[in-house]
PDB file of N, CA and C in Angstrom:
ATOM      1  N   MET A   1       9.258  19.767   1.403  1.00  0.00           N
ATOM      2  CA  MET A   1       7.969  19.533   2.016  1.00  0.00           C
ATOM      3  C   MET A   1       7.051  18.698   1.103  1.00  0.00           C
ATOM      4  N   ARG A   2       7.154  18.932  -0.217  1.00  0.00           N
ATOM      5  CA  ARG A   2       6.331  18.155  -1.151  1.00  0.00           C
ATOM      6  C   ARG A   2       6.682  16.672  -1.096  1.00  0.00           C
ATOM      7  N   GLY A   3       7.977  16.370  -0.932  1.00  0.00           N
ATOM      8  CA  GLY A   3       8.391  14.982  -0.837  1.00  0.00           C
ATOM      9  C   GLY A   3       7.832  14.313   0.408  1.00  0.00           C
ATOM     10  N   PHE A   4       7.894  15.007   1.533  1.00  0.00           N
ATOM     11  CA  PHE A   4       7.368  14.475   2.791  1.00  0.00           C
ATOM     12  C   PHE A   4       5.865  14.254   2.682  1.00  0.00           C
ATOM     13  N   LEU A   5       5.151  15.245   2.159  1.00  0.00           N
ATOM     14  CA  LEU A   5       3.700  15.125   2.020  1.00  0.00           C
ATOM     15  C   LEU A   5       3.332  13.994   1.060  1.00  0.00           C
ATOM     16  N   THR A   6       4.111  13.824   0.011  1.00  0.00           N
ATOM     17  CA  THR A   6       3.879  12.723  -0.928  1.00  0.00           C
ATOM     18  C   THR A   6       3.979  11.383  -0.218  1.00  0.00           C
ATOM     19  N   VAL A   7       5.025  11.199   0.578  1.00  0.00           N
ATOM     20  CA  VAL A   7       5.231   9.936   1.296  1.00  0.00           C
ATOM     21  C   VAL A   7       4.103   9.698   2.297  1.00  0.00           C
ATOM     22  N   VAL A   8       3.701  10.724   3.030  1.00  0.00           N
ATOM     23  CA  VAL A   8       2.615  10.582   4.008  1.00  0.00           C
ATOM     24  C   VAL A   8       1.311  10.196   3.309  1.00  0.00           C
ATOM     25  N   LEU A   9       0.986  10.871   2.217  1.00  0.00           N
ATOM     26  CA  LEU A   9      -0.229  10.547   1.477  1.00  0.00           C
ATOM     27  C   LEU A   9      -0.174   9.126   0.909  1.00  0.00           C
ATOM     28  N   LEU A  10       0.986   8.719   0.429  1.00  0.00           N
ATOM     29  CA  LEU A  10       1.124   7.347  -0.080  1.00  0.00           C
ATOM     30  C   LEU A  10       0.943   6.323   1.036  1.00  0.00           C
ATOM     31  N   MET A  11       1.399   6.659   2.231  1.00  0.00           N
ATOM     32  CA  MET A  11       1.190   5.746   3.362  1.00  0.00           C
ATOM     33  C   MET A  11      -0.306   5.579   3.645  1.00  0.00           C
ATOM     34  N   PHE A  12      -1.037   6.690   3.686  1.00  0.00           N
ATOM     35  CA  PHE A  12      -2.478   6.598   3.938  1.00  0.00           C
ATOM     36  C   PHE A  12      -3.208   5.882   2.803  1.00  0.00           C
ATOM     37  N   SER A  13      -2.817   6.144   1.574  1.00  0.00           N
ATOM     38  CA  SER A  13      -3.486   5.470   0.458  1.00  0.00           C
ATOM     39  C   SER A  13      -3.230   3.968   0.505  1.00  0.00           C
ATOM     40  N   ASN A  14      -2.052   3.581   0.963  1.00  0.00           N
ATOM     41  CA  ASN A  14      -1.729   2.156   1.041  1.00  0.00           C
ATOM     42  C   ASN A  14      -2.470   1.447   2.160  1.00  0.00           C
ATOM     43  N   ILE A  15      -2.891   2.173   3.173  1.00  0.00           N
ATOM     44  CA  ILE A  15      -3.748   1.562   4.194  1.00  0.00           C
ATOM     45  C   ILE A  15      -5.060   1.137   3.541  1.00  0.00           C
ATOM     46  N   PHE A  16      -5.661   2.042   2.776  1.00  0.00           N
ATOM     47  CA  PHE A  16      -6.899   1.694   2.073  1.00  0.00           C
ATOM     48  C   PHE A  16      -6.667   0.578   1.059  1.00  0.00           C
ATOM     49  N   MET A  17      -5.545   0.632   0.340  1.00  0.00           N
ATOM     50  CA  MET A  17      -5.249  -0.381  -0.665  1.00  0.00           C
ATOM     51  C   MET A  17      -5.123  -1.768  -0.019  1.00  0.00           C
ATOM     52  N   THR A  18      -4.403  -1.837   1.087  1.00  0.00           N
ATOM     53  CA  THR A  18      -4.222  -3.120   1.769  1.00  0.00           C
ATOM     54  C   THR A  18      -5.550  -3.663   2.260  1.00  0.00           C
ATOM     55  N   LEU A  19      -6.381  -2.786   2.821  1.00  0.00           N
ATOM     56  CA  LEU A  19      -7.695  -3.236   3.283  1.00  0.00           C
ATOM     57  C   LEU A  19      -8.565  -3.686   2.115  1.00  0.00           C
ATOM     58  N   ALA A  20      -8.477  -2.997   0.983  1.00  0.00           N
ATOM     59  CA  ALA A  20      -9.267  -3.379  -0.191  1.00  0.00           C
ATOM     60  C   ALA A  20      -8.790  -4.709  -0.763  1.00  0.00           C
ATOM     61  N   TRP A  21      -7.493  -4.896  -0.824  1.00  0.00           N
ATOM     62  CA  TRP A  21      -6.945  -6.102  -1.452  1.00  0.00           C
ATOM     63  C   TRP A  21      -6.977  -7.323  -0.549  1.00  0.00           C
ATOM     64  N   TYR A  22      -6.751  -7.128   0.758  1.00  0.00           N
ATOM     65  CA  TYR A  22      -6.586  -8.272   1.657  1.00  0.00           C
ATOM     66  C   TYR A  22      -7.581  -8.332   2.803  1.00  0.00           C
ATOM     67  N   GLY A  23      -8.265  -7.239   3.085  1.00  0.00           N
ATOM     68  CA  GLY A  23      -9.205  -7.214   4.206  1.00  0.00           C
ATOM     69  C   GLY A  23     -10.323  -8.226   4.066  1.00  0.00           C
ATOM     70  N   HIS A  24     -10.791  -8.444   2.843  1.00  0.00           N
ATOM     71  CA  HIS A  24     -11.877  -9.403   2.627  1.00  0.00           C
ATOM     72  C   HIS A  24     -11.471 -10.822   2.994  1.00  0.00           C
ATOM     73  N   LEU A  25     -10.188 -11.126   2.949  1.00  0.00           N
ATOM     74  CA  LEU A  25      -9.740 -12.467   3.323  1.00  0.00           C
ATOM     75  C   LEU A  25      -9.969 -12.717   4.810  1.00  0.00           C
ATOM     76  N   ARG A  26      -9.858 -11.667   5.588  1.00  0.00           N
ATOM     77  CA  ARG A  26     -10.058 -11.769   7.035  1.00  0.00           C
ATOM     78  C   ARG A  26     -11.542 -11.728   7.398  1.00  0.00           C
ATOM     79  N   ILE A  27     -12.273 -10.775   6.818  1.00  0.00           N
ATOM     80  CA  ILE A  27     -13.668 -10.628   7.234  1.00  0.00           C
ATOM     81  C   ILE A  27     -14.582 -11.704   6.642  1.00  0.00           C
ATOM     82  N   ALA A  28     -14.134 -12.415   5.641  1.00  0.00           N
ATOM     83  CA  ALA A  28     -14.955 -13.475   5.051  1.00  0.00           C
ATOM     84  C   ALA A  28     -15.260 -14.567   6.066  1.00  0.00           C
ATOM     85  N   SER A  29     -14.408 -14.726   7.063  1.00  0.00           N
ATOM     86  CA  SER A  29     -14.616 -15.766   8.068  1.00  0.00           C
ATOM     87  C   SER A  29     -15.549 -15.316   9.193  1.00  0.00           C
ATOM     88  N   MET A  30     -15.922 -14.054   9.219  1.00  0.00           N
ATOM     89  CA  MET A  30     -16.828 -13.543  10.253  1.00  0.00           C
ATOM     90  C   MET A  30     -18.262 -13.907   9.876  1.00  0.00           C
ATOM     91  N   PRO A  31     -19.049 -14.322  10.862  1.00  0.00           N
ATOM     92  CA  PRO A  31     -20.428 -14.759  10.569  1.00  0.00           C
ATOM     93  C   PRO A  31     -21.262 -13.730   9.801  1.00  0.00           C
ATOM     94  N   ARG A  32     -21.112 -12.475  10.105  1.00  0.00           N
ATOM     95  CA  ARG A  32     -21.899 -11.430   9.450  1.00  0.00           C
ATOM     96  C   ARG A  32     -21.631 -11.382   7.939  1.00  0.00           C
ATOM     97  N   PHE A  33     -20.413 -11.732   7.534  1.00  0.00           N
ATOM     98  CA  PHE A  33     -20.020 -11.640   6.130  1.00  0.00           C
ATOM     99  C   PHE A  33     -19.931 -12.997   5.438  1.00  0.00           C
ATOM    100  N   ALA A  34     -20.311 -14.057   6.121  1.00  0.00           N
ATOM    101  CA  ALA A  34     -20.133 -15.411   5.598  1.00  0.00           C
ATOM    102  C   ALA A  34     -20.903 -15.669   4.309  1.00  0.00           C
ATOM    103  N   LYS A  35     -22.029 -14.981   4.122  1.00  0.00           N
ATOM    104  CA  LYS A  35     -22.869 -15.256   2.948  1.00  0.00           C
ATOM    105  C   LYS A  35     -22.566 -14.350   1.759  1.00  0.00           C
ATOM    106  N   ILE A  36     -21.628 -13.430   1.911  1.00  0.00           N
ATOM    107  CA  ILE A  36     -21.270 -12.550   0.797  1.00  0.00           C
ATOM    108  C   ILE A  36     -20.386 -13.329  -0.163  1.00  0.00           C
ATOM    109  N   GLY A  37     -20.749 -13.332  -1.405  1.00  0.00           N
ATOM    110  CA  GLY A  37     -19.970 -14.039  -2.418  1.00  0.00           C
ATOM    111  C   GLY A  37     -18.824 -13.186  -2.936  1.00  0.00           C
ATOM    112  N   VAL A  38     -18.115 -13.732  -3.891  1.00  0.00           N
ATOM    113  CA  VAL A  38     -16.964 -13.060  -4.481  1.00  0.00           C
ATOM    114  C   VAL A  38     -17.362 -11.711  -5.074  1.00  0.00           C
ATOM    115  N   PHE A  39     -18.481 -11.665  -5.790  1.00  0.00           N
ATOM    116  CA  PHE A  39     -18.906 -10.413  -6.402  1.00  0.00           C
ATOM    117  C   PHE A  39     -19.183  -9.349  -5.331  1.00  0.00           C
ATOM    118  N   GLY A  40     -19.765  -9.750  -4.226  1.00  0.00           N
ATOM    119  CA  GLY A  40     -20.002  -8.815  -3.117  1.00  0.00           C
ATOM    120  C   GLY A  40     -18.703  -8.257  -2.568  1.00  0.00           C
ATOM    121  N   PHE A  41     -17.703  -9.118  -2.420  1.00  0.00           N
ATOM    122  CA  PHE A  41     -16.405  -8.646  -1.926  1.00  0.00           C
ATOM    123  C   PHE A  41     -15.695  -7.771  -2.956  1.00  0.00           C
ATOM    124  N   ILE A  42     -15.920  -8.045  -4.225  1.00  0.00           N
ATOM    125  CA  ILE A  42     -15.361  -7.172  -5.267  1.00  0.00           C
ATOM    126  C   ILE A  42     -15.941  -5.769  -5.122  1.00  0.00           C
ATOM    127  N   LEU A  43     -17.250  -5.679  -4.933  1.00  0.00           N
ATOM    128  CA  LEU A  43     -17.881  -4.364  -4.775  1.00  0.00           C
ATOM    129  C   LEU A  43     -17.391  -3.650  -3.516  1.00  0.00           C
ATOM    130  N   ILE A  44     -17.265  -4.391  -2.435  1.00  0.00           N
ATOM    131  CA  ILE A  44     -16.752  -3.804  -1.192  1.00  0.00           C
ATOM    132  C   ILE A  44     -15.317  -3.314  -1.405  1.00  0.00           C
ATOM    133  N   SER A  45     -14.498  -4.126  -2.057  1.00  0.00           N
ATOM    134  CA  SER A  45     -13.103  -3.748  -2.311  1.00  0.00           C
ATOM    135  C   SER A  45     -13.019  -2.524  -3.212  1.00  0.00           C
ATOM    136  N   TRP A  46     -13.860  -2.456  -4.222  1.00  0.00           N
ATOM    137  CA  TRP A  46     -13.883  -1.267  -5.089  1.00  0.00           C
ATOM    138  C   TRP A  46     -14.251  -0.028  -4.299  1.00  0.00           C
ATOM    139  N   GLY A  47     -15.202  -0.177  -3.396  1.00  0.00           N
ATOM    140  CA  GLY A  47     -15.597   0.952  -2.558  1.00  0.00           C
ATOM    141  C   GLY A  47     -14.465   1.455  -1.699  1.00  0.00           C
ATOM    142  N   ILE A  48     -13.693   0.536  -1.127  1.00  0.00           N
ATOM    143  CA  ILE A  48     -12.535   0.914  -0.311  1.00  0.00           C
ATOM    144  C   ILE A  48     -11.438   1.492  -1.192  1.00  0.00           C
ATOM    145  N   ALA A  49     -11.223   0.874  -2.355  1.00  0.00           N
ATOM    146  CA  ALA A  49     -10.165   1.327  -3.264  1.00  0.00           C
ATOM    147  C   ALA A  49     -10.443   2.732  -3.798  1.00  0.00           C
ATOM    148  N   PHE A  50     -11.703   3.131  -3.867  1.00  0.00           N
ATOM    149  CA  PHE A  50     -12.029   4.485  -4.297  1.00  0.00           C
ATOM    150  C   PHE A  50     -11.297   5.501  -3.422  1.00  0.00           C
ATOM    151  N   PHE A  51     -11.311   5.274  -2.107  1.00  0.00           N
ATOM    152  CA  PHE A  51     -10.648   6.196  -1.189  1.00  0.00           C
ATOM    153  C   PHE A  51      -9.125   6.130  -1.341  1.00  0.00           C
ATOM    154  N   GLU A  52      -8.624   4.942  -1.655  1.00  0.00           N
ATOM    155  CA  GLU A  52      -7.189   4.804  -1.913  1.00  0.00           C
ATOM    156  C   GLU A  52      -6.781   5.679  -3.090  1.00  0.00           C
ATOM    157  N   TYR A  53      -7.547   5.635  -4.163  1.00  0.00           N
ATOM    158  CA  TYR A  53      -7.230   6.442  -5.339  1.00  0.00           C
ATOM    159  C   TYR A  53      -7.401   7.931  -5.082  1.00  0.00           C
ATOM    160  N   CYS A  54      -8.365   8.289  -4.234  1.00  0.00           N
ATOM    161  CA  CYS A  54      -8.565   9.703  -3.895  1.00  0.00           C
ATOM    162  C   CYS A  54      -7.362  10.293  -3.165  1.00  0.00           C
ATOM    163  N   ILE A  55      -6.550   9.447  -2.564  1.00  0.00           N
ATOM    164  CA  ILE A  55      -5.340   9.908  -1.871  1.00  0.00           C
ATOM    165  C   ILE A  55      -4.102   9.667  -2.730  1.00  0.00           C
ATOM    166  N   GLN A  56      -4.047   8.526  -3.401  1.00  0.00           N
ATOM    167  CA  GLN A  56      -2.860   8.131  -4.154  1.00  0.00           C
ATOM    168  C   GLN A  56      -2.615   9.017  -5.371  1.00  0.00           C
ATOM    169  N   VAL A  57      -3.658   9.339  -6.110  1.00  0.00           N
ATOM    170  CA  VAL A  57      -3.480  10.159  -7.315  1.00  0.00           C
ATOM    171  C   VAL A  57      -2.925  11.541  -6.956  1.00  0.00           C
ATOM    172  N   PRO A  58      -3.510  12.247  -5.971  1.00  0.00           N
ATOM    173  CA  PRO A  58      -2.910  13.531  -5.594  1.00  0.00           C
ATOM    174  C   PRO A  58      -1.484  13.391  -5.059  1.00  0.00           C
ATOM    175  N   ALA A  59      -1.206  12.298  -4.338  1.00  0.00           N
ATOM    176  CA  ALA A  59       0.152  12.085  -3.825  1.00  0.00           C
ATOM    177  C   ALA A  59       1.160  12.009  -4.963  1.00  0.00           C
ATOM    178  N   ASN A  60       0.839  11.227  -5.989  1.00  0.00           N
ATOM    179  CA  ASN A  60       1.760  11.095  -7.113  1.00  0.00           C
ATOM    180  C   ASN A  60       1.873  12.384  -7.914  1.00  0.00           C
ATOM    181  N   ARG A  61       0.778  13.097  -8.079  1.00  0.00           N
ATOM    182  CA  ARG A  61       0.833  14.375  -8.799  1.00  0.00           C
ATOM    183  C   ARG A  61       1.674  15.388  -8.025  1.00  0.00           C
ATOM    184  N   LEU A  62       1.529  15.399  -6.713  1.00  0.00           N
ATOM    185  CA  LEU A  62       2.283  16.312  -5.864  1.00  0.00           C
ATOM    186  C   LEU A  62       3.777  15.995  -5.886  1.00  0.00           C
ATOM    187  N   GLY A  63       4.110  14.708  -5.892  1.00  0.00           N
ATOM    188  CA  GLY A  63       5.504  14.307  -5.815  1.00  0.00           C
ATOM    189  C   GLY A  63       6.240  14.237  -7.136  1.00  0.00           C
ATOM    190  N   PHE A  64       5.515  14.249  -8.256  1.00  0.00           N
ATOM    191  CA  PHE A  64       6.113  14.068  -9.575  1.00  0.00           C
ATOM    192  C   PHE A  64       6.933  15.295  -9.978  1.00  0.00           C
ATOM    193  N   SER A  65       8.133  15.066 -10.448  1.00  0.00           N
ATOM    194  CA  SER A  65       9.063  16.154 -10.768  1.00  0.00           C
ATOM    195  C   SER A  65       8.531  17.099 -11.838  1.00  0.00           C
ATOM    196  N   GLU A  66       7.784  16.602 -12.791  1.00  0.00           N
ATOM    197  CA  GLU A  66       7.255  17.466 -13.842  1.00  0.00           C
ATOM    198  C   GLU A  66       6.103  18.353 -13.357  1.00  0.00           C
ATOM    199  N   ASN A  67       5.633  18.097 -12.136  1.00  0.00           N
ATOM    200  CA  ASN A  67       4.612  18.943 -11.510  1.00  0.00           C
ATOM    201  C   ASN A  67       5.214  19.766 -10.377  1.00  0.00           C
ATOM    202  N   GLY A  68       6.529  19.830 -10.312  1.00  0.00           N
ATOM    203  CA  GLY A  68       7.194  20.599  -9.268  1.00  0.00           C
ATOM    204  C   GLY A  68       7.615  19.785  -8.057  1.00  0.00           C
ATOM    205  N   GLY A  69       7.377  18.491  -8.069  1.00  0.00           N
ATOM    206  CA  GLY A  69       7.762  17.622  -6.960  1.00  0.00           C
ATOM    207  C   GLY A  69       9.198  17.161  -7.078  1.00  0.00           C
ATOM    208  N   PRO A  70       9.681  16.449  -6.069  1.00  0.00           N
ATOM    209  CA  PRO A  70      11.079  16.040  -6.054  1.00  0.00           C
ATOM    210  C   PRO A  70      11.387  14.681  -6.701  1.00  0.00           C
ATOM    211  N   PHE A  71      10.367  13.924  -7.129  1.00  0.00           N
ATOM    212  CA  PHE A  71      10.591  12.545  -7.542  1.00  0.00           C
ATOM    213  C   PHE A  71      10.292  12.318  -9.019  1.00  0.00           C
ATOM    214  N   SER A  72      11.115  11.447  -9.630  1.00  0.00           N
ATOM    215  CA  SER A  72      10.806  10.981 -10.982  1.00  0.00           C
ATOM    216  C   SER A  72       9.684   9.946 -10.880  1.00  0.00           C
ATOM    217  N   MET A  73       9.118   9.590 -12.015  1.00  0.00           N
ATOM    218  CA  MET A  73       8.067   8.580 -12.011  1.00  0.00           C
ATOM    219  C   MET A  73       8.609   7.242 -11.495  1.00  0.00           C
ATOM    220  N   TRP A  74       9.833   6.904 -11.863  1.00  0.00           N
ATOM    221  CA  TRP A  74      10.457   5.659 -11.400  1.00  0.00           C
ATOM    222  C   TRP A  74      10.620   5.670  -9.886  1.00  0.00           C
ATOM    223  N   GLN A  75      11.085   6.787  -9.358  1.00  0.00           N
ATOM    224  CA  GLN A  75      11.274   6.893  -7.912  1.00  0.00           C
ATOM    225  C   GLN A  75       9.941   6.800  -7.174  1.00  0.00           C
ATOM    226  N   LEU A  76       8.908   7.439  -7.716  1.00  0.00           N
ATOM    227  CA  LEU A  76       7.583   7.345  -7.095  1.00  0.00           C
ATOM    228  C   LEU A  76       7.112   5.895  -7.009  1.00  0.00           C
ATOM    229  N   LYS A  77       7.338   5.145  -8.070  1.00  0.00           N
ATOM    230  CA  LYS A  77       6.894   3.741  -8.085  1.00  0.00           C
ATOM    231  C   LYS A  77       7.647   2.913  -7.051  1.00  0.00           C
ATOM    232  N   VAL A  78       8.947   3.104  -6.967  1.00  0.00           N
ATOM    233  CA  VAL A  78       9.738   2.327  -6.012  1.00  0.00           C
ATOM    234  C   VAL A  78       9.370   2.714  -4.582  1.00  0.00           C
ATOM    235  N   ILE A  79       9.185   4.004  -4.335  1.00  0.00           N
ATOM    236  CA  ILE A  79       8.749   4.452  -3.011  1.00  0.00           C
ATOM    237  C   ILE A  79       7.404   3.818  -2.666  1.00  0.00           C
ATOM    238  N   GLN A  80       6.483   3.840  -3.618  1.00  0.00           N
ATOM    239  CA  GLN A  80       5.151   3.285  -3.376  1.00  0.00           C
ATOM    240  C   GLN A  80       5.228   1.802  -3.034  1.00  0.00           C
ATOM    241  N   GLU A  81       6.063   1.063  -3.718  1.00  0.00           N
ATOM    242  CA  GLU A  81       6.181  -0.372  -3.450  1.00  0.00           C
ATOM    243  C   GLU A  81       6.748  -0.634  -2.054  1.00  0.00           C
ATOM    244  N   ALA A  82       7.754   0.141  -1.656  1.00  0.00           N
ATOM    245  CA  ALA A  82       8.326  -0.024  -0.315  1.00  0.00           C
ATOM    246  C   ALA A  82       7.298   0.342   0.753  1.00  0.00           C
ATOM    247  N   ILE A  83       6.566   1.428   0.529  1.00  0.00           N
ATOM    248  CA  ILE A  83       5.520   1.816   1.476  1.00  0.00           C
ATOM    249  C   ILE A  83       4.432   0.758   1.524  1.00  0.00           C
ATOM    250  N   SER A  84       4.056   0.245   0.365  1.00  0.00           N
ATOM    251  CA  SER A  84       3.020  -0.778   0.297  1.00  0.00           C
ATOM    252  C   SER A  84       3.392  -1.996   1.132  1.00  0.00           C
ATOM    253  N   LEU A  85       4.619  -2.447   1.011  1.00  0.00           N
ATOM    254  CA  LEU A  85       5.056  -3.606   1.777  1.00  0.00           C
ATOM    255  C   LEU A  85       5.123  -3.290   3.266  1.00  0.00           C
ATOM    256  N   SER A  86       5.561  -2.093   3.610  1.00  0.00           N
ATOM    257  CA  SER A  86       5.628  -1.691   5.023  1.00  0.00           C
ATOM    258  C   SER A  86       4.237  -1.649   5.647  1.00  0.00           C
ATOM    259  N   VAL A  87       3.313  -1.010   4.955  1.00  0.00           N
ATOM    260  CA  VAL A  87       1.940  -0.912   5.462  1.00  0.00           C
ATOM    261  C   VAL A  87       1.320  -2.302   5.546  1.00  0.00           C
ATOM    262  N   PHE A  88       1.524  -3.113   4.513  1.00  0.00           N
ATOM    263  CA  PHE A  88       0.977  -4.468   4.535  1.00  0.00           C
ATOM    264  C   PHE A  88       1.504  -5.246   5.735  1.00  0.00           C
ATOM    265  N   THR A  89       2.799  -5.136   5.998  1.00  0.00           N
ATOM    266  CA  THR A  89       3.402  -5.880   7.104  1.00  0.00           C
ATOM    267  C   THR A  89       2.756  -5.499   8.432  1.00  0.00           C
ATOM    268  N   VAL A  90       2.615  -4.214   8.679  1.00  0.00           N
ATOM    269  CA  VAL A  90       2.018  -3.757   9.940  1.00  0.00           C
ATOM    270  C   VAL A  90       0.565  -4.210  10.040  1.00  0.00           C
ATOM    271  N   LEU A  91      -0.220  -3.995   8.984  1.00  0.00           N
ATOM    272  CA  LEU A  91      -1.625  -4.398   9.025  1.00  0.00           C
ATOM    273  C   LEU A  91      -1.791  -5.909   9.080  1.00  0.00           C
ATOM    274  N   ALA A  92      -0.935  -6.639   8.389  1.00  0.00           N
ATOM    275  CA  ALA A  92      -1.028  -8.102   8.387  1.00  0.00           C
ATOM    276  C   ALA A  92      -0.799  -8.666   9.779  1.00  0.00           C
ATOM    277  N   ILE A  93       0.135  -8.080  10.496  1.00  0.00           N
ATOM    278  CA  ILE A  93       0.448  -8.576  11.837  1.00  0.00           C
ATOM    279  C   ILE A  93      -0.621  -8.166  12.848  1.00  0.00           C
ATOM    280  N   PHE A  94      -0.987  -6.888  12.842  1.00  0.00           N
ATOM    281  CA  PHE A  94      -1.823  -6.365  13.909  1.00  0.00           C
ATOM    282  C   PHE A  94      -3.319  -6.376  13.612  1.00  0.00           C
ATOM    283  N   LEU A  95      -3.717  -6.452  12.340  1.00  0.00           N
ATOM    284  CA  LEU A  95      -5.133  -6.360  12.021  1.00  0.00           C
ATOM    285  C   LEU A  95      -5.657  -7.570  11.258  1.00  0.00           C
ATOM    286  N   LEU A  96      -4.876  -8.084  10.337  1.00  0.00           N
ATOM    287  CA  LEU A  96      -5.357  -9.143   9.460  1.00  0.00           C
ATOM    288  C   LEU A  96      -5.022 -10.553   9.937  1.00  0.00           C
ATOM    289  N   GLY A  97      -4.198 -10.688  10.957  1.00  0.00           N
ATOM    290  CA  GLY A  97      -3.869 -12.003  11.493  1.00  0.00           C
ATOM    291  C   GLY A  97      -3.167 -12.907  10.508  1.00  0.00           C
ATOM    292  N   ALA A  98      -2.156 -12.382   9.810  1.00  0.00           N
ATOM    293  CA  ALA A  98      -1.476 -13.140   8.759  1.00  0.00           C
ATOM    294  C   ALA A  98      -0.448 -14.137   9.289  1.00  0.00           C
ATOM    295  N   GLY A  99      -0.209 -14.158  10.581  1.00  0.00           N
ATOM    296  CA  GLY A  99       0.760 -15.104  11.129  1.00  0.00           C
ATOM    297  C   GLY A  99       2.131 -14.484  11.293  1.00  0.00           C
ATOM    298  N   GLU A 100       3.067 -15.337  11.632  1.00  0.00           N
ATOM    299  CA  GLU A 100       4.415 -14.862  11.927  1.00  0.00           C
ATOM    300  C   GLU A 100       5.178 -14.443  10.673  1.00  0.00           C
ATOM    301  N   ILE A 101       6.156 -13.584  10.893  1.00  0.00           N
ATOM    302  CA  ILE A 101       7.042 -13.180   9.809  1.00  0.00           C
ATOM    303  C   ILE A 101       8.225 -14.134   9.808  1.00  0.00           C
ATOM    304  N   LYS A 102       8.466 -14.773   8.694  1.00  0.00           N
ATOM    305  CA  LYS A 102       9.580 -15.717   8.572  1.00  0.00           C
ATOM    306  C   LYS A 102      10.813 -14.999   8.038  1.00  0.00           C
ATOM    307  N   TRP A 103      11.952 -15.630   8.165  1.00  0.00           N
ATOM    308  CA  TRP A 103      13.213 -15.013   7.778  1.00  0.00           C
ATOM    309  C   TRP A 103      13.239 -14.631   6.300  1.00  0.00           C
ATOM    310  N   ASN A 104      12.643 -15.476   5.454  1.00  0.00           N
ATOM    311  CA  ASN A 104      12.667 -15.177   4.019  1.00  0.00           C
ATOM    312  C   ASN A 104      11.802 -13.960   3.681  1.00  0.00           C
ATOM    313  N   TYR A 105      10.756 -13.678   4.475  1.00  0.00           N
ATOM    314  CA  TYR A 105       9.971 -12.463   4.279  1.00  0.00           C
ATOM    315  C   TYR A 105      10.807 -11.238   4.624  1.00  0.00           C
ATOM    316  N   ILE A 106      11.592 -11.356   5.672  1.00  0.00           N
ATOM    317  CA  ILE A 106      12.459 -10.242   6.086  1.00  0.00           C
ATOM    318  C   ILE A 106      13.505  -9.960   5.011  1.00  0.00           C
ATOM    319  N   VAL A 107      14.100 -11.006   4.461  1.00  0.00           N
ATOM    320  CA  VAL A 107      15.085 -10.827   3.382  1.00  0.00           C
ATOM    321  C   VAL A 107      14.414 -10.195   2.165  1.00  0.00           C
ATOM    322  N   SER A 108      13.226 -10.660   1.816  1.00  0.00           N
ATOM    323  CA  SER A 108      12.494 -10.077   0.692  1.00  0.00           C
ATOM    324  C   SER A 108      12.224  -8.597   0.922  1.00  0.00           C
ATOM    325  N   PHE A 109      11.808  -8.255   2.124  1.00  0.00           N
ATOM    326  CA  PHE A 109      11.548  -6.866   2.469  1.00  0.00           C
ATOM    327  C   PHE A 109      12.825  -6.033   2.350  1.00  0.00           C
ATOM    328  N   ALA A 110      13.926  -6.553   2.855  1.00  0.00           N
ATOM    329  CA  ALA A 110      15.203  -5.833   2.776  1.00  0.00           C
ATOM    330  C   ALA A 110      15.615  -5.590   1.323  1.00  0.00           C
ATOM    331  N   LEU A 111      15.368  -6.537   0.456  1.00  0.00           N
ATOM    332  CA  LEU A 111      15.698  -6.360  -0.964  1.00  0.00           C
ATOM    333  C   LEU A 111      14.842  -5.265  -1.599  1.00  0.00           C
ATOM    334  N   ILE A 112      13.580  -5.201  -1.223  1.00  0.00           N
ATOM    335  CA  ILE A 112      12.718  -4.145  -1.764  1.00  0.00           C
ATOM    336  C   ILE A 112      13.146  -2.783  -1.230  1.00  0.00           C
ATOM    337  N   VAL A 113      13.486  -2.708   0.047  1.00  0.00           N
ATOM    338  CA  VAL A 113      13.972  -1.448   0.608  1.00  0.00           C
ATOM    339  C   VAL A 113      15.282  -1.044  -0.063  1.00  0.00           C
ATOM    340  N   SER A 114      16.135  -2.017  -0.365  1.00  0.00           N
ATOM    341  CA  SER A 114      17.384  -1.683  -1.064  1.00  0.00           C
ATOM    342  C   SER A 114      17.092  -1.146  -2.468  1.00  0.00           C
ATOM    343  N   ALA A 115      15.964  -1.532  -3.058  1.00  0.00           N
ATOM    344  CA  ALA A 115      15.581  -0.988  -4.363  1.00  0.00           C
ATOM    345  C   ALA A 115      15.366   0.515  -4.280  1.00  0.00           C
ATOM    346  N   VAL A 116      14.852   0.992  -3.158  1.00  0.00           N
ATOM    347  CA  VAL A 116      14.678   2.438  -2.975  1.00  0.00           C
ATOM    348  C   VAL A 116      16.040   3.120  -3.006  1.00  0.00           C
ATOM    349  N   TYR A 117      17.008   2.528  -2.330  1.00  0.00           N
ATOM    350  CA  TYR A 117      18.367   3.084  -2.328  1.00  0.00           C
ATOM    351  C   TYR A 117      18.899   3.193  -3.759  1.00  0.00           C
ATOM    352  N   PHE A 118      18.776   2.111  -4.515  1.00  0.00           N
ATOM    353  CA  PHE A 118      19.311   2.121  -5.872  1.00  0.00           C
ATOM    354  C   PHE A 118      18.525   3.054  -6.790  1.00  0.00           C
ATOM    355  N   ALA A 119      17.242   3.210  -6.555  1.00  0.00           N
ATOM    356  CA  ALA A 119      16.446   4.123  -7.380  1.00  0.00           C
ATOM    357  C   ALA A 119      16.876   5.580  -7.203  1.00  0.00           C
ATOM    358  N   PHE A 120      17.441   5.902  -6.036  1.00  0.00           N
ATOM    359  CA  PHE A 120      17.857   7.269  -5.767  1.00  0.00           C
ATOM    360  C   PHE A 120      19.348   7.509  -5.972  1.00  0.00           C
ATOM    361  N   MET A 121      20.076   6.455  -6.352  1.00  0.00           N
ATOM    362  CA  MET A 121      21.506   6.625  -6.644  1.00  0.00           C
ATOM    363  C   MET A 121      21.689   7.465  -7.879  1.00  0.00           C
ATOM    364  N   LYS A 122      22.683   8.309  -7.841  1.00  0.00           N
ATOM    365  CA  LYS A 122      22.999   9.155  -9.019  1.00  0.00           C
ATOM    366  C   LYS A 122      23.954   8.423  -9.932  1.00  0.00           C
TER     367      LYS A 122
END
């Protein structure tokens, strides 16, 4: 159950992370936000990232093997990267308007997912 909860929390934290890192690229073109400079977007991103950390830190503590969780630190990192790319892909397509997914993006994604497999190999 700790492993499942860790993955779910990492998924939610990555939603905030993606919005903090890439959301400003989309909203900068909206008239309401057109006059906000880089420093303003940094502050907005930090504000969003605060919530990401409020979820991500407990997720990693819950999932870490030395705290009773099922994952090593290496496994947590690889899981987080795969989740990050998955969340980014969904948000980029449906919310951020990042354009079409090309074949090389799919291959890149498959290689990262295969990293999860190798991270869990005995």
